[in-house]
Amino acid sequence: MGHCEMLLAVAGLDGKAVADRTSRLASGDWSSFPPAERAAFAFARKQATEPWSITDDDFSGLVKHFGPERALDVVWWACRCHYMTRVADAFQLPLERENVFKGLFPPPEKPKKP
């Protein structure tokens, strides 16, 4: 789960939120996630374990939830993640210990007092 944890941290989740989300993802019980996310997870899992079995119906399921452009984003991103994981595993590349993007984003705006 290291790559997922890193990406969630880059997306701005704190340590507790990362641990909670990865735990729910790893459990295989995705019922607490919205239907669109469940469809994307199922597609990515199938792509990772049995890529030869993906059919037009699998892509159509993504289109139903995300529309054609965003469905293509899901496919592209899943492909990229699977590829990067395999490259990192093959070369035994370690993950960064910290969020390498920390400090590069502007701080969140403070709410203005009325």
N, C-alpha and C. Protein backbone atom coordinates (compact mmCIF):
# COMPACT_ATOMS: atom_id res chain seq x y z
N MET A 1 0.80 -1.21 0.00
CA MET A 1 0.00 0.00 0.00
C MET A 1 0.84 1.27 0.00
N GLY A 2 2.14 1.16 -0.01
CA GLY A 2 2.99 2.33 0.08
C GLY A 2 2.72 3.39 -0.97
N HIS A 3 2.52 2.98 -2.22
CA HIS A 3 2.27 3.96 -3.27
C HIS A 3 0.94 4.67 -3.04
N CYS A 4 -0.07 3.92 -2.61
CA CYS A 4 -1.38 4.54 -2.33
C CYS A 4 -1.26 5.55 -1.20
N GLU A 5 -0.54 5.16 -0.16
CA GLU A 5 -0.39 6.06 0.98
C GLU A 5 0.31 7.35 0.56
N MET A 6 1.36 7.22 -0.27
CA MET A 6 2.08 8.39 -0.72
C MET A 6 1.15 9.30 -1.54
N LEU A 7 0.39 8.72 -2.47
CA LEU A 7 -0.50 9.53 -3.30
C LEU A 7 -1.58 10.21 -2.48
N LEU A 8 -2.11 9.51 -1.47
CA LEU A 8 -3.14 10.12 -0.62
C LEU A 8 -2.55 11.26 0.20
N ALA A 9 -1.32 11.09 0.66
CA ALA A 9 -0.66 12.17 1.40
C ALA A 9 -0.42 13.36 0.49
N VAL A 10 0.00 13.11 -0.74
CA VAL A 10 0.21 14.20 -1.71
C VAL A 10 -1.10 14.92 -1.98
N ALA A 11 -2.21 14.16 -1.96
CA ALA A 11 -3.53 14.76 -2.19
C ALA A 11 -3.99 15.58 -1.00
N GLY A 12 -3.27 15.51 0.12
CA GLY A 12 -3.60 16.37 1.25
C GLY A 12 -4.20 15.68 2.45
N LEU A 13 -4.34 14.35 2.42
CA LEU A 13 -4.89 13.65 3.57
C LEU A 13 -3.84 13.56 4.67
N ASP A 14 -4.29 13.72 5.92
CA ASP A 14 -3.35 13.57 7.02
C ASP A 14 -3.15 12.08 7.33
N GLY A 15 -2.25 11.78 8.24
CA GLY A 15 -1.89 10.39 8.54
C GLY A 15 -3.07 9.53 8.95
N LYS A 16 -3.97 10.08 9.78
CA LYS A 16 -5.14 9.32 10.23
C LYS A 16 -6.07 9.02 9.06
N ALA A 17 -6.31 10.01 8.21
CA ALA A 17 -7.20 9.82 7.06
C ALA A 17 -6.59 8.83 6.06
N VAL A 18 -5.27 8.89 5.88
CA VAL A 18 -4.60 7.93 4.99
C VAL A 18 -4.75 6.52 5.53
N ALA A 19 -4.51 6.34 6.82
CA ALA A 19 -4.63 5.01 7.44
C ALA A 19 -6.05 4.48 7.33
N ASP A 20 -7.04 5.34 7.57
CA ASP A 20 -8.44 4.91 7.48
C ASP A 20 -8.79 4.50 6.05
N ARG A 21 -8.43 5.33 5.10
CA ARG A 21 -8.79 5.04 3.70
C ARG A 21 -8.09 3.79 3.19
N THR A 22 -6.80 3.64 3.45
CA THR A 22 -6.09 2.45 2.97
C THR A 22 -6.60 1.19 3.64
N SER A 23 -7.00 1.30 4.88
CA SER A 23 -7.57 0.14 5.58
C SER A 23 -8.87 -0.29 4.92
N ARG A 24 -9.73 0.69 4.60
CA ARG A 24 -11.00 0.36 3.94
C ARG A 24 -10.77 -0.17 2.53
N LEU A 25 -9.79 0.38 1.82
CA LEU A 25 -9.48 -0.11 0.48
C LEU A 25 -8.96 -1.54 0.52
N ALA A 26 -8.04 -1.81 1.44
CA ALA A 26 -7.42 -3.14 1.52
C ALA A 26 -8.38 -4.21 1.98
N SER A 27 -9.42 -3.83 2.71
CA SER A 27 -10.36 -4.82 3.24
C SER A 27 -11.16 -5.49 2.13
N GLY A 28 -11.28 -4.83 0.99
CA GLY A 28 -12.10 -5.37 -0.09
C GLY A 28 -13.58 -5.06 0.07
N ASP A 29 -13.96 -4.54 1.22
CA ASP A 29 -15.34 -4.12 1.44
C ASP A 29 -15.40 -2.63 1.14
N TRP A 30 -15.83 -2.32 -0.07
CA TRP A 30 -15.85 -0.94 -0.52
C TRP A 30 -17.24 -0.32 -0.40
N SER A 31 -18.10 -0.92 0.40
CA SER A 31 -19.49 -0.45 0.50
C SER A 31 -19.60 0.97 1.06
N SER A 32 -18.59 1.44 1.76
CA SER A 32 -18.65 2.80 2.30
C SER A 32 -18.26 3.87 1.27
N PHE A 33 -17.80 3.44 0.11
CA PHE A 33 -17.42 4.37 -0.95
C PHE A 33 -18.59 4.59 -1.89
N PRO A 34 -18.64 5.73 -2.56
CA PRO A 34 -19.70 5.99 -3.54
C PRO A 34 -19.62 4.99 -4.70
N PRO A 35 -20.74 4.74 -5.39
CA PRO A 35 -20.77 3.76 -6.49
C PRO A 35 -19.71 4.01 -7.57
N ALA A 36 -19.47 5.26 -7.91
CA ALA A 36 -18.47 5.54 -8.95
C ALA A 36 -17.08 5.09 -8.51
N GLU A 37 -16.73 5.37 -7.26
CA GLU A 37 -15.42 4.94 -6.77
C GLU A 37 -15.34 3.42 -6.73
N ARG A 38 -16.42 2.76 -6.32
CA ARG A 38 -16.41 1.28 -6.30
C ARG A 38 -16.18 0.73 -7.70
N ALA A 39 -16.79 1.35 -8.70
CA ALA A 39 -16.61 0.89 -10.08
C ALA A 39 -15.15 1.08 -10.51
N ALA A 40 -14.56 2.20 -10.16
CA ALA A 40 -13.15 2.45 -10.51
C ALA A 40 -12.23 1.46 -9.80
N PHE A 41 -12.51 1.18 -8.53
CA PHE A 41 -11.68 0.22 -7.79
C PHE A 41 -11.77 -1.16 -8.41
N ALA A 42 -12.99 -1.57 -8.75
CA ALA A 42 -13.19 -2.90 -9.35
C ALA A 42 -12.46 -2.99 -10.70
N PHE A 43 -12.54 -1.93 -11.49
CA PHE A 43 -11.85 -1.92 -12.77
C PHE A 43 -10.34 -2.04 -12.56
N ALA A 44 -9.80 -1.23 -11.66
CA ALA A 44 -8.35 -1.25 -11.41
C ALA A 44 -7.89 -2.60 -10.88
N ARG A 45 -8.69 -3.22 -10.03
CA ARG A 45 -8.33 -4.54 -9.52
C ARG A 45 -8.31 -5.56 -10.65
N LYS A 46 -9.35 -5.52 -11.48
CA LYS A 46 -9.41 -6.46 -12.61
C LYS A 46 -8.25 -6.22 -13.56
N GLN A 47 -7.93 -4.97 -13.80
CA GLN A 47 -6.83 -4.63 -14.69
C GLN A 47 -5.50 -5.12 -14.12
N ALA A 48 -5.36 -5.09 -12.80
CA ALA A 48 -4.11 -5.52 -12.17
C ALA A 48 -3.98 -7.04 -12.14
N THR A 49 -5.09 -7.73 -11.97
CA THR A 49 -5.01 -9.18 -11.78
C THR A 49 -5.30 -9.99 -13.04
N GLU A 50 -6.18 -9.49 -13.90
CA GLU A 50 -6.56 -10.21 -15.13
C GLU A 50 -6.77 -9.24 -16.28
N PRO A 51 -5.73 -8.52 -16.69
CA PRO A 51 -5.93 -7.48 -17.70
C PRO A 51 -6.48 -8.01 -19.02
N TRP A 52 -6.21 -9.25 -19.34
CA TRP A 52 -6.70 -9.84 -20.59
C TRP A 52 -8.21 -10.04 -20.59
N SER A 53 -8.82 -9.98 -19.41
CA SER A 53 -10.26 -10.25 -19.33
C SER A 53 -11.12 -8.99 -19.40
N ILE A 54 -10.50 -7.82 -19.53
CA ILE A 54 -11.27 -6.58 -19.60
C ILE A 54 -12.03 -6.52 -20.93
N THR A 55 -13.29 -6.14 -20.82
CA THR A 55 -14.16 -6.10 -22.00
C THR A 55 -14.72 -4.69 -22.20
N ASP A 56 -15.43 -4.53 -23.29
CA ASP A 56 -16.12 -3.26 -23.55
C ASP A 56 -17.10 -2.94 -22.43
N ASP A 57 -17.72 -3.98 -21.87
CA ASP A 57 -18.67 -3.77 -20.77
C ASP A 57 -17.99 -3.16 -19.55
N ASP A 58 -16.75 -3.55 -19.29
CA ASP A 58 -16.02 -2.96 -18.16
C ASP A 58 -15.84 -1.46 -18.37
N PHE A 59 -15.45 -1.08 -19.57
CA PHE A 59 -15.28 0.34 -19.86
C PHE A 59 -16.63 1.06 -19.84
N SER A 60 -17.66 0.42 -20.37
CA SER A 60 -19.00 1.03 -20.36
C SER A 60 -19.47 1.30 -18.94
N GLY A 61 -19.10 0.41 -18.02
CA GLY A 61 -19.45 0.64 -16.61
C GLY A 61 -18.81 1.90 -16.07
N LEU A 62 -17.57 2.15 -16.47
CA LEU A 62 -16.90 3.38 -16.05
C LEU A 62 -17.56 4.60 -16.69
N VAL A 63 -17.90 4.48 -17.98
CA VAL A 63 -18.55 5.59 -18.68
C VAL A 63 -19.87 5.95 -17.99
N LYS A 64 -20.59 4.94 -17.55
CA LYS A 64 -21.87 5.18 -16.86
C LYS A 64 -21.69 6.07 -15.64
N HIS A 65 -20.61 5.86 -14.92
CA HIS A 65 -20.37 6.63 -13.69
C HIS A 65 -19.62 7.93 -13.91
N PHE A 66 -18.72 7.96 -14.90
CA PHE A 66 -17.81 9.09 -15.04
C PHE A 66 -17.97 9.88 -16.33
N GLY A 67 -18.68 9.34 -17.31
CA GLY A 67 -18.70 9.95 -18.64
C GLY A 67 -17.48 9.47 -19.41
N PRO A 68 -17.48 9.66 -20.74
CA PRO A 68 -16.40 9.08 -21.55
C PRO A 68 -15.00 9.63 -21.25
N GLU A 69 -14.88 10.95 -21.05
CA GLU A 69 -13.56 11.53 -20.82
C GLU A 69 -12.99 11.11 -19.47
N ARG A 70 -13.80 11.21 -18.43
CA ARG A 70 -13.32 10.83 -17.09
C ARG A 70 -13.09 9.33 -16.99
N ALA A 71 -13.88 8.52 -17.71
CA ALA A 71 -13.65 7.06 -17.73
C ALA A 71 -12.28 6.77 -18.32
N LEU A 72 -11.94 7.49 -19.37
CA LEU A 72 -10.61 7.33 -19.96
C LEU A 72 -9.52 7.75 -18.97
N ASP A 73 -9.79 8.79 -18.19
CA ASP A 73 -8.85 9.19 -17.13
C ASP A 73 -8.63 8.05 -16.14
N VAL A 74 -9.71 7.38 -15.75
CA VAL A 74 -9.59 6.26 -14.81
C VAL A 74 -8.72 5.16 -15.39
N VAL A 75 -8.97 4.82 -16.65
CA VAL A 75 -8.18 3.77 -17.31
C VAL A 75 -6.72 4.19 -17.40
N TRP A 76 -6.48 5.42 -17.86
CA TRP A 76 -5.11 5.90 -18.01
C TRP A 76 -4.38 5.90 -16.68
N TRP A 77 -5.02 6.43 -15.64
CA TRP A 77 -4.36 6.54 -14.35
C TRP A 77 -4.09 5.15 -13.76
N ALA A 78 -5.04 4.24 -13.90
CA ALA A 78 -4.82 2.87 -13.42
C ALA A 78 -3.64 2.23 -14.16
N CYS A 79 -3.57 2.42 -15.47
CA CYS A 79 -2.45 1.89 -16.26
C CYS A 79 -1.13 2.47 -15.76
N ARG A 80 -1.11 3.77 -15.55
CA ARG A 80 0.12 4.41 -15.09
C ARG A 80 0.54 3.88 -13.73
N CYS A 81 -0.40 3.75 -12.83
CA CYS A 81 -0.06 3.26 -11.48
C CYS A 81 0.43 1.81 -11.52
N HIS A 82 -0.23 0.97 -12.30
CA HIS A 82 0.23 -0.42 -12.41
C HIS A 82 1.65 -0.47 -12.98
N TYR A 83 1.89 0.33 -14.01
CA TYR A 83 3.22 0.36 -14.63
C TYR A 83 4.27 0.83 -13.64
N MET A 84 4.00 1.96 -12.96
CA MET A 84 4.98 2.51 -12.02
C MET A 84 5.26 1.56 -10.87
N THR A 85 4.23 0.86 -10.40
CA THR A 85 4.42 -0.11 -9.34
C THR A 85 5.35 -1.23 -9.80
N ARG A 86 5.14 -1.71 -11.01
CA ARG A 86 5.98 -2.78 -11.53
C ARG A 86 7.43 -2.32 -11.74
N VAL A 87 7.60 -1.11 -12.23
CA VAL A 87 8.96 -0.58 -12.40
C VAL A 87 9.64 -0.42 -11.04
N ALA A 88 8.94 0.18 -10.08
CA ALA A 88 9.51 0.37 -8.75
C ALA A 88 9.84 -0.97 -8.10
N ASP A 89 8.95 -1.94 -8.26
CA ASP A 89 9.22 -3.27 -7.68
C ASP A 89 10.41 -3.94 -8.37
N ALA A 90 10.48 -3.83 -9.69
CA ALA A 90 11.57 -4.48 -10.43
C ALA A 90 12.93 -3.92 -10.03
N PHE A 91 13.00 -2.60 -9.84
CA PHE A 91 14.26 -1.98 -9.46
C PHE A 91 14.42 -1.84 -7.96
N GLN A 92 13.44 -2.32 -7.21
CA GLN A 92 13.43 -2.25 -5.75
C GLN A 92 13.66 -0.82 -5.27
N LEU A 93 12.91 0.11 -5.88
CA LEU A 93 13.02 1.51 -5.52
C LEU A 93 12.24 1.77 -4.23
N PRO A 94 12.86 2.41 -3.26
CA PRO A 94 12.15 2.71 -2.02
C PRO A 94 11.21 3.90 -2.21
N LEU A 95 10.16 3.93 -1.41
CA LEU A 95 9.26 5.08 -1.42
C LEU A 95 9.89 6.21 -0.61
N GLU A 96 9.48 7.42 -0.91
CA GLU A 96 9.94 8.55 -0.12
C GLU A 96 9.40 8.41 1.30
N ARG A 97 10.19 8.80 2.25
CA ARG A 97 9.76 8.71 3.65
C ARG A 97 8.77 9.82 4.01
N GLU A 98 8.85 10.92 3.30
CA GLU A 98 7.99 12.06 3.59
C GLU A 98 7.32 12.52 2.30
N ASN A 99 6.31 13.33 2.44
CA ASN A 99 5.62 13.91 1.29
C ASN A 99 6.57 14.90 0.62
N VAL A 100 7.08 14.52 -0.54
CA VAL A 100 8.07 15.37 -1.22
C VAL A 100 7.45 16.67 -1.73
N PHE A 101 6.13 16.76 -1.76
CA PHE A 101 5.46 17.96 -2.23
C PHE A 101 5.07 18.89 -1.09
N LYS A 102 5.32 18.47 0.14
CA LYS A 102 4.96 19.28 1.30
C LYS A 102 5.68 20.63 1.23
N GLY A 103 4.94 21.68 1.42
CA GLY A 103 5.50 23.01 1.39
C GLY A 103 5.49 23.67 0.02
N LEU A 104 5.16 22.91 -1.02
CA LEU A 104 5.12 23.48 -2.36
C LEU A 104 3.77 24.08 -2.69
N PHE A 105 2.76 23.74 -1.93
CA PHE A 105 1.42 24.27 -2.16
C PHE A 105 1.22 25.48 -1.26
N PRO A 106 0.47 26.47 -1.72
CA PRO A 106 0.20 27.61 -0.84
C PRO A 106 -0.64 27.16 0.34
N PRO A 107 -0.47 27.80 1.48
CA PRO A 107 -1.28 27.41 2.63
C PRO A 107 -2.76 27.68 2.37
N PRO A 108 -3.64 26.87 2.97
CA PRO A 108 -5.08 27.09 2.76
C PRO A 108 -5.47 28.48 3.28
N GLU A 109 -6.44 29.06 2.59
CA GLU A 109 -6.91 30.38 2.99
C GLU A 109 -7.65 30.28 4.32
N LYS A 110 -7.42 31.25 5.16
CA LYS A 110 -8.13 31.30 6.44
C LYS A 110 -9.50 31.94 6.19
N PRO A 111 -10.53 31.42 6.84
CA PRO A 111 -11.86 32.02 6.64
C PRO A 111 -11.85 33.49 7.07
N LYS A 112 -12.51 34.28 6.27
CA LYS A 112 -12.59 35.72 6.59
C LYS A 112 -13.70 35.96 7.59
N LYS A 113 -13.42 36.81 8.54
CA LYS A 113 -14.41 37.15 9.54
C LYS A 113 -15.42 38.12 8.94
N PRO A 114 -16.71 37.88 9.21
CA PRO A 114 -17.74 38.80 8.66
C PRO A 114 -17.73 40.16 9.29
